[in-house]
Every structure is written in C-alpha cells, then in structure tokens.
Amino acid sequence: MSKKSEIINFQKLKNASDELFEELDSDNDGLISAKRINIDTISRKKLKILCPILIQIEKNRATLNKEQFLAIIKEFCYVNFHV
C-alpha cells in the first residue's frame, strides 16, 4: 500500500471513529465508559462490528477519550482486518 493510500485509509478510519465516538458519548463530556454509553443511536450493523470493543471497554471498566477510542479502533481493525 502506498503512503498516500495509508494516509487516506487512516483519515477514513479516524472520521468513522470520531462519528462513532460522538454517537456513543451519551452525555457529551468527551468520554465514553460502559456506565455512560449510548448504543440506542447505533445501527445493528455497527453494533455487531463494535461488540468486541464495547465488551473490552466494559470488562476493563475503561473510560476513554476520543484519542484512546481511536487507538482501540485502529488496533481492532489491524488485528481483524489487517488495515
């Protein structure tokens, strides 16, 4: 993959991650956690993909900011989709 393609793919992933984060951040405080997460607005398709990440957040009782969420999304995509 060329450097330009990597940059484009990263930007797409970041945009999707930002959008998901905003949907999950139920109280708009810039953080998501298992206790304060809004899955009502997430489509079933997205939930199916996000399920392992959401389980990890709950299992670790994590509270994540947008950058931390992006890092988890990137790792998940790399491990599962070799992106």
C-alpha atoms as a PDB file:
ATOM      1  CA  MET A   1       0.000   0.000   0.000  1.00  0.00           C
ATOM      2  CA  SER A   2       1.349   3.411  -0.898  1.00  0.00           C
ATOM      3  CA  LYS A   3       1.925   6.128   1.694  1.00  0.00           C
ATOM      4  CA  LYS A   4      -0.885   8.180   0.151  1.00  0.00           C
ATOM      5  CA  SER A   5      -3.295   5.234   0.434  1.00  0.00           C
ATOM      6  CA  GLU A   6      -2.275   4.729   4.066  1.00  0.00           C
ATOM      7  CA  ILE A   7      -2.991   8.383   4.826  1.00  0.00           C
ATOM      8  CA  ILE A   8      -6.387   8.215   3.100  1.00  0.00           C
ATOM      9  CA  ASN A   9      -7.312   4.987   4.919  1.00  0.00           C
ATOM     10  CA  PHE A  10      -6.232   6.432   8.263  1.00  0.00           C
ATOM     11  CA  GLN A  11      -8.306   9.566   7.670  1.00  0.00           C
ATOM     12  CA  LYS A  12     -11.363   7.462   6.784  1.00  0.00           C
ATOM     13  CA  LEU A  13     -10.851   5.366   9.912  1.00  0.00           C
ATOM     14  CA  LYS A  14     -10.407   8.486  12.044  1.00  0.00           C
ATOM     15  CA  ASN A  15     -13.562  10.074  10.622  1.00  0.00           C
ATOM     16  CA  ALA A  16     -15.580   6.901  11.254  1.00  0.00           C
ATOM     17  CA  SER A  17     -14.113   6.611  14.751  1.00  0.00           C
ATOM     18  CA  ASP A  18     -14.946  10.245  15.537  1.00  0.00           C
ATOM     19  CA  GLU A  19     -18.516   9.736  14.335  1.00  0.00           C
ATOM     20  CA  LEU A  20     -18.945   6.583  16.431  1.00  0.00           C
ATOM     21  CA  PHE A  21     -17.429   8.270  19.466  1.00  0.00           C
ATOM     22  CA  GLU A  22     -19.911  11.142  19.194  1.00  0.00           C
ATOM     23  CA  GLU A  23     -22.793   8.681  18.950  1.00  0.00           C
ATOM     24  CA  LEU A  24     -21.562   6.691  21.971  1.00  0.00           C
ATOM     25  CA  ASP A  25     -20.815   9.733  24.157  1.00  0.00           C
ATOM     26  CA  SER A  26     -24.264   9.939  25.723  1.00  0.00           C
ATOM     27  CA  ASP A  27     -23.598  12.945  27.942  1.00  0.00           C
ATOM     28  CA  ASN A  28     -21.279  14.810  25.543  1.00  0.00           C
ATOM     29  CA  ASP A  29     -18.497  15.074  28.135  1.00  0.00           C
ATOM     30  CA  GLY A  30     -15.804  13.883  25.712  1.00  0.00           C
ATOM     31  CA  LEU A  31     -15.531  10.484  27.409  1.00  0.00           C
ATOM     32  CA  ILE A  32     -17.166   7.115  26.939  1.00  0.00           C
ATOM     33  CA  SER A  33     -17.429   4.348  29.500  1.00  0.00           C
ATOM     34  CA  ALA A  34     -19.509   1.226  29.993  1.00  0.00           C
ATOM     35  CA  LYS A  35     -21.674   3.042  32.543  1.00  0.00           C
ATOM     36  CA  ARG A  36     -22.369   6.062  30.348  1.00  0.00           C
ATOM     37  CA  ILE A  37     -22.598   4.849  26.799  1.00  0.00           C
ATOM     38  CA  ASN A  38     -25.444   5.373  24.361  1.00  0.00           C
ATOM     39  CA  ILE A  39     -25.980   2.486  21.956  1.00  0.00           C
ATOM     40  CA  ASP A  40     -29.543   3.483  21.074  1.00  0.00           C
ATOM     41  CA  THR A  41     -28.468   5.519  18.048  1.00  0.00           C
ATOM     42  CA  ILE A  42     -26.010   2.912  16.706  1.00  0.00           C
ATOM     43  CA  SER A  43     -27.215   0.729  13.843  1.00  0.00           C
ATOM     44  CA  ARG A  44     -27.283  -3.044  14.320  1.00  0.00           C
ATOM     45  CA  LYS A  45     -24.567  -3.409  11.701  1.00  0.00           C
ATOM     46  CA  LYS A  46     -22.248  -1.047  13.579  1.00  0.00           C
ATOM     47  CA  LEU A  47     -23.076  -2.700  16.901  1.00  0.00           C
ATOM     48  CA  LYS A  48     -22.182  -6.095  15.519  1.00  0.00           C
ATOM     49  CA  ILE A  49     -18.764  -4.783  14.497  1.00  0.00           C
ATOM     50  CA  LEU A  50     -18.258  -2.782  17.700  1.00  0.00           C
ATOM     51  CA  CYS A  51     -19.400  -5.531  20.070  1.00  0.00           C
ATOM     52  CA  PRO A  52     -15.889  -6.856  20.888  1.00  0.00           C
ATOM     53  CA  ILE A  53     -14.670  -3.306  21.543  1.00  0.00           C
ATOM     54  CA  LEU A  54     -17.644  -2.477  23.758  1.00  0.00           C
ATOM     55  CA  ILE A  55     -17.133  -5.717  25.682  1.00  0.00           C
ATOM     56  CA  GLN A  56     -13.471  -4.815  26.189  1.00  0.00           C
ATOM     57  CA  ILE A  57     -14.437  -1.360  27.471  1.00  0.00           C
ATOM     58  CA  GLU A  58     -16.918  -2.906  29.907  1.00  0.00           C
ATOM     59  CA  LYS A  59     -14.573  -5.709  31.008  1.00  0.00           C
ATOM     60  CA  ASN A  60     -11.759  -3.241  31.736  1.00  0.00           C
ATOM     61  CA  ARG A  61     -14.150  -0.676  33.217  1.00  0.00           C
ATOM     62  CA  ALA A  62     -12.423   1.772  30.938  1.00  0.00           C
ATOM     63  CA  THR A  63     -13.200   5.410  30.412  1.00  0.00           C
ATOM     64  CA  LEU A  64     -11.891   6.581  27.061  1.00  0.00           C
ATOM     65  CA  ASN A  65     -11.403   9.910  25.391  1.00  0.00           C
ATOM     66  CA  LYS A  66     -11.625  10.276  21.616  1.00  0.00           C
ATOM     67  CA  GLU A  67      -7.913   9.589  21.012  1.00  0.00           C
ATOM     68  CA  GLN A  68      -7.954   6.459  23.175  1.00  0.00           C
ATOM     69  CA  PHE A  69     -11.050   5.227  21.365  1.00  0.00           C
ATOM     70  CA  LEU A  70      -9.346   5.807  18.002  1.00  0.00           C
ATOM     71  CA  ALA A  71      -6.321   3.802  19.197  1.00  0.00           C
ATOM     72  CA  ILE A  72      -8.556   0.863  20.134  1.00  0.00           C
ATOM     73  CA  ILE A  73     -10.405   1.077  16.816  1.00  0.00           C
ATOM     74  CA  LYS A  74      -7.089   1.143  14.912  1.00  0.00           C
ATOM     75  CA  GLU A  75      -5.778  -1.877  16.830  1.00  0.00           C
ATOM     76  CA  PHE A  76      -9.039  -3.765  16.324  1.00  0.00           C
ATOM     77  CA  CYS A  77      -9.043  -3.054  12.570  1.00  0.00           C
ATOM     78  CA  TYR A  78      -5.391  -4.028  12.219  1.00  0.00           C
ATOM     79  CA  VAL A  79      -5.823  -7.317  14.094  1.00  0.00           C
ATOM     80  CA  ASN A  80      -9.115  -8.295  12.454  1.00  0.00           C
ATOM     81  CA  PHE A  81      -8.969  -6.740   9.019  1.00  0.00           C
ATOM     82  CA  HIS A  82      -5.218  -6.124   8.502  1.00  0.00           C
ATOM     83  CA  VAL A  83      -5.933  -2.459   7.737  1.00  0.00           C
END
